[in-house]
Amino acid sequence: MNSKSEIYNLLHDKGQRITHQKSILLDILLENTDIMLSVNDILGCISDSSIDATTIYRNMQAFTESGITETMIDHKGLNRYKICDSQPHHHMICTDCGKIINFPCETKFWEPYITENNFTETHHVIKIYGKCSDCVK
């Protein structure tokens, strides 16, 4: 998803209202597309006192259920959120600064194991932890 209007259309199609709080949260997510944000990160970007952590959690859950955001648990056990990319991908996660670098999901090296074990894949997640080039310096 690339624009706020695309996201608004998706929310509308899913029967969700576009509230002031959702608009602010979407602005923050769209301004930070290169990192996954925790609720505390998002809270730190907000000056509107009508938005508390509970409101953020509730809206992030609704965004994720609608396919607007993706979520993952980082190496510290925190849920992090990011606007979904349209292409399937995996993540390299910097353990120092939290930067998330996407890389494409081009080959499924596990498919022979799936076939061999008569397993049906519903989804998969690959996360690689380390240090980004900025933190290595």
C-alpha atoms as a PDB file:
ATOM      1  CA  MET A   1       0.000   0.000   0.000  1.00  0.00           C
ATOM      2  CA  ASN A   2       1.434   3.259  -1.068  1.00  0.00           C
ATOM      3  CA  SER A   3      -1.026   5.977  -0.202  1.00  0.00           C
ATOM      4  CA  LYS A   4      -3.367   7.076   2.506  1.00  0.00           C
ATOM      5  CA  SER A   5      -6.275   7.128   0.035  1.00  0.00           C
ATOM      6  CA  GLU A   6      -5.669   3.448  -0.840  1.00  0.00           C
ATOM      7  CA  ILE A   7      -5.718   2.595   2.855  1.00  0.00           C
ATOM      8  CA  TYR A   8      -8.867   4.685   3.421  1.00  0.00           C
ATOM      9  CA  ASN A   9     -10.567   2.812   0.575  1.00  0.00           C
ATOM     10  CA  LEU A  10      -9.584  -0.537   2.063  1.00  0.00           C
ATOM     11  CA  LEU A  11     -10.842   0.469   5.512  1.00  0.00           C
ATOM     12  CA  HIS A  12     -14.083   1.702   3.984  1.00  0.00           C
ATOM     13  CA  ASP A  13     -14.487  -1.579   2.048  1.00  0.00           C
ATOM     14  CA  LYS A  14     -13.989  -3.486   5.322  1.00  0.00           C
ATOM     15  CA  GLY A  15     -16.717  -1.414   6.991  1.00  0.00           C
ATOM     16  CA  GLN A  16     -14.386   0.562   9.256  1.00  0.00           C
ATOM     17  CA  ARG A  17     -14.798   4.243  10.024  1.00  0.00           C
ATOM     18  CA  ILE A  18     -11.941   6.655   9.352  1.00  0.00           C
ATOM     19  CA  THR A  19     -11.441   8.276  12.733  1.00  0.00           C
ATOM     20  CA  HIS A  20      -9.134  11.119  13.707  1.00  0.00           C
ATOM     21  CA  GLN A  21      -6.995   8.621  15.662  1.00  0.00           C
ATOM     22  CA  LYS A  22      -6.696   6.248  12.678  1.00  0.00           C
ATOM     23  CA  SER A  23      -5.669   9.141  10.468  1.00  0.00           C
ATOM     24  CA  ILE A  24      -2.882  10.154  12.865  1.00  0.00           C
ATOM     25  CA  LEU A  25      -1.656   6.558  13.223  1.00  0.00           C
ATOM     26  CA  LEU A  26      -1.617   6.079   9.448  1.00  0.00           C
ATOM     27  CA  ASP A  27       0.389   9.295   9.027  1.00  0.00           C
ATOM     28  CA  ILE A  28       2.988   7.980  11.479  1.00  0.00           C
ATOM     29  CA  LEU A  29       3.177   4.591   9.777  1.00  0.00           C
ATOM     30  CA  LEU A  30       3.443   6.149   6.313  1.00  0.00           C
ATOM     31  CA  GLU A  31       6.233   8.479   7.512  1.00  0.00           C
ATOM     32  CA  ASN A  32       8.211   5.496   8.883  1.00  0.00           C
ATOM     33  CA  THR A  33       8.077   2.898   6.144  1.00  0.00           C
ATOM     34  CA  ASP A  34      11.692   1.778   6.642  1.00  0.00           C
ATOM     35  CA  ILE A  35      11.248   0.589  10.240  1.00  0.00           C
ATOM     36  CA  MET A  36       8.705  -1.394  12.200  1.00  0.00           C
ATOM     37  CA  LEU A  37       7.311   0.626  15.084  1.00  0.00           C
ATOM     38  CA  SER A  38       6.314  -0.534  18.548  1.00  0.00           C
ATOM     39  CA  VAL A  39       3.325   0.973  20.330  1.00  0.00           C
ATOM     40  CA  ASN A  40       5.761   2.997  22.464  1.00  0.00           C
ATOM     41  CA  ASP A  41       7.497   4.266  19.303  1.00  0.00           C
ATOM     42  CA  ILE A  42       4.138   5.368  17.918  1.00  0.00           C
ATOM     43  CA  LEU A  43       3.098   6.899  21.235  1.00  0.00           C
ATOM     44  CA  GLY A  44       6.313   8.954  21.215  1.00  0.00           C
ATOM     45  CA  CYS A  45       5.335  10.462  17.851  1.00  0.00           C
ATOM     46  CA  ILE A  46       1.901  11.609  19.036  1.00  0.00           C
ATOM     47  CA  SER A  47       1.114  14.940  20.617  1.00  0.00           C
ATOM     48  CA  ASP A  48      -2.667  14.348  20.621  1.00  0.00           C
ATOM     49  CA  SER A  49      -3.712  13.485  24.188  1.00  0.00           C
ATOM     50  CA  SER A  50      -6.828  11.655  22.963  1.00  0.00           C
ATOM     51  CA  ILE A  51      -4.660   8.763  21.763  1.00  0.00           C
ATOM     52  CA  ASP A  52      -3.341   6.414  24.428  1.00  0.00           C
ATOM     53  CA  ALA A  53      -1.594   3.037  24.236  1.00  0.00           C
ATOM     54  CA  THR A  54      -4.908   1.143  24.340  1.00  0.00           C
ATOM     55  CA  THR A  55      -6.200   3.098  21.346  1.00  0.00           C
ATOM     56  CA  ILE A  56      -2.993   2.373  19.459  1.00  0.00           C
ATOM     57  CA  TYR A  57      -3.127  -1.367  20.243  1.00  0.00           C
ATOM     58  CA  ARG A  58      -6.789  -1.569  19.211  1.00  0.00           C
ATOM     59  CA  ASN A  59      -6.202   0.269  15.924  1.00  0.00           C
ATOM     60  CA  MET A  60      -3.023  -1.639  15.090  1.00  0.00           C
ATOM     61  CA  GLN A  61      -4.923  -4.897  15.585  1.00  0.00           C
ATOM     62  CA  ALA A  62      -7.709  -3.650  13.293  1.00  0.00           C
ATOM     63  CA  PHE A  63      -5.145  -2.531  10.676  1.00  0.00           C
ATOM     64  CA  THR A  64      -3.423  -5.918  10.806  1.00  0.00           C
ATOM     65  CA  GLU A  65      -6.704  -7.831  10.525  1.00  0.00           C
ATOM     66  CA  SER A  66      -7.600  -5.681   7.505  1.00  0.00           C
ATOM     67  CA  GLY A  67      -4.262  -6.390   5.819  1.00  0.00           C
ATOM     68  CA  ILE A  68      -3.046  -2.798   6.121  1.00  0.00           C
ATOM     69  CA  THR A  69      -0.188  -3.506   8.504  1.00  0.00           C
ATOM     70  CA  GLU A  70       2.057  -6.438   9.103  1.00  0.00           C
ATOM     71  CA  THR A  71       3.219  -7.248  12.598  1.00  0.00           C
ATOM     72  CA  MET A  72       6.055  -9.189  14.120  1.00  0.00           C
ATOM     73  CA  ILE A  73       7.556  -9.731  17.529  1.00  0.00           C
ATOM     74  CA  ASP A  74      11.093  -8.386  17.771  1.00  0.00           C
ATOM     75  CA  HIS A  75      14.064  -9.860  19.645  1.00  0.00           C
ATOM     76  CA  LYS A  76      12.924  -8.049  22.814  1.00  0.00           C
ATOM     77  CA  GLY A  77       9.396  -9.507  22.660  1.00  0.00           C
ATOM     78  CA  LEU A  78       7.726  -6.273  21.494  1.00  0.00           C
ATOM     79  CA  ASN A  79       5.061  -6.252  18.782  1.00  0.00           C
ATOM     80  CA  ARG A  80       6.153  -4.036  15.908  1.00  0.00           C
ATOM     81  CA  TYR A  81       4.019  -2.750  13.046  1.00  0.00           C
ATOM     82  CA  LYS A  82       4.579  -1.554   9.516  1.00  0.00           C
ATOM     83  CA  ILE A  83       2.447  -0.769   6.473  1.00  0.00           C
ATOM     84  CA  CYS A  84       2.245  -3.938   4.336  1.00  0.00           C
ATOM     85  CA  ASP A  85       4.265  -4.158   1.180  1.00  0.00           C
ATOM     86  CA  SER A  86       2.512  -5.663  -1.810  1.00  0.00           C
ATOM     87  CA  GLN A  87       5.239  -8.221  -2.558  1.00  0.00           C
ATOM     88  CA  PRO A  88       5.920 -11.285  -0.371  1.00  0.00           C
ATOM     89  CA  HIS A  89       9.109 -10.710   1.583  1.00  0.00           C
ATOM     90  CA  HIS A  90      11.136 -11.609   4.644  1.00  0.00           C
ATOM     91  CA  HIS A  91      12.970  -9.426   7.148  1.00  0.00           C
ATOM     92  CA  MET A  92      16.484  -8.676   8.299  1.00  0.00           C
ATOM     93  CA  ILE A  93      16.206  -6.989  11.695  1.00  0.00           C
ATOM     94  CA  CYS A  94      18.900  -4.848  13.296  1.00  0.00           C
ATOM     95  CA  THR A  95      19.188  -5.774  16.957  1.00  0.00           C
ATOM     96  CA  ASP A  96      20.701  -2.364  17.783  1.00  0.00           C
ATOM     97  CA  CYS A  97      18.445   0.218  16.131  1.00  0.00           C
ATOM     98  CA  GLY A  98      15.445  -1.916  15.142  1.00  0.00           C
ATOM     99  CA  LYS A  99      15.721  -1.130  11.430  1.00  0.00           C
ATOM    100  CA  ILE A 100      13.910  -3.671   9.251  1.00  0.00           C
ATOM    101  CA  ILE A 101      15.275  -4.487   5.809  1.00  0.00           C
ATOM    102  CA  ASN A 102      12.963  -6.429   3.503  1.00  0.00           C
ATOM    103  CA  PHE A 103      14.260  -9.031   1.098  1.00  0.00           C
ATOM    104  CA  PRO A 104      12.159 -10.845  -1.502  1.00  0.00           C
ATOM    105  CA  CYS A 105      10.648 -14.270  -1.044  1.00  0.00           C
ATOM    106  CA  GLU A 106      11.716 -15.687  -4.390  1.00  0.00           C
ATOM    107  CA  THR A 107      12.493 -19.319  -3.656  1.00  0.00           C
ATOM    108  CA  LYS A 108      10.819 -21.661  -1.232  1.00  0.00           C
ATOM    109  CA  PHE A 109      13.700 -23.955  -0.381  1.00  0.00           C
ATOM    110  CA  TRP A 110      11.453 -25.880   2.024  1.00  0.00           C
ATOM    111  CA  GLU A 111       8.962 -27.079  -0.623  1.00  0.00           C
ATOM    112  CA  PRO A 112      10.549 -30.540  -1.025  1.00  0.00           C
ATOM    113  CA  TYR A 113      10.148 -31.067   2.742  1.00  0.00           C
ATOM    114  CA  ILE A 114       6.511 -29.976   2.534  1.00  0.00           C
ATOM    115  CA  THR A 115       5.829 -32.480  -0.240  1.00  0.00           C
ATOM    116  CA  GLU A 116       7.785 -35.269   1.467  1.00  0.00           C
ATOM    117  CA  ASN A 117       5.780 -34.837   4.678  1.00  0.00           C
ATOM    118  CA  ASN A 118       2.393 -34.237   3.004  1.00  0.00           C
ATOM    119  CA  PHE A 119       2.249 -30.892   4.804  1.00  0.00           C
ATOM    120  CA  THR A 120      -0.010 -27.986   3.787  1.00  0.00           C
ATOM    121  CA  GLU A 121       1.591 -24.582   4.243  1.00  0.00           C
ATOM    122  CA  THR A 122      -0.708 -21.767   5.315  1.00  0.00           C
ATOM    123  CA  HIS A 123       1.984 -19.100   5.709  1.00  0.00           C
ATOM    124  CA  HIS A 124       5.631 -18.690   6.610  1.00  0.00           C
ATOM    125  CA  VAL A 125       7.923 -16.177   8.304  1.00  0.00           C
ATOM    126  CA  ILE A 126      11.682 -15.819   7.952  1.00  0.00           C
ATOM    127  CA  LYS A 127      13.505 -13.324  10.189  1.00  0.00           C
ATOM    128  CA  ILE A 128      17.252 -12.785  10.225  1.00  0.00           C
ATOM    129  CA  TYR A 129      18.695 -10.879  13.172  1.00  0.00           C
ATOM    130  CA  GLY A 130      21.960  -8.958  13.137  1.00  0.00           C
ATOM    131  CA  LYS A 131      23.328  -5.440  12.736  1.00  0.00           C
ATOM    132  CA  CYS A 132      22.591  -3.039   9.893  1.00  0.00           C
ATOM    133  CA  SER A 133      25.401  -1.241   8.095  1.00  0.00           C
ATOM    134  CA  ASP A 134      24.836   1.952  10.106  1.00  0.00           C
ATOM    135  CA  CYS A 135      25.193   0.113  13.447  1.00  0.00           C
ATOM    136  CA  VAL A 136      28.242  -1.873  12.347  1.00  0.00           C
ATOM    137  CA  LYS A 137      30.174   1.401  11.810  1.00  0.00           C
END
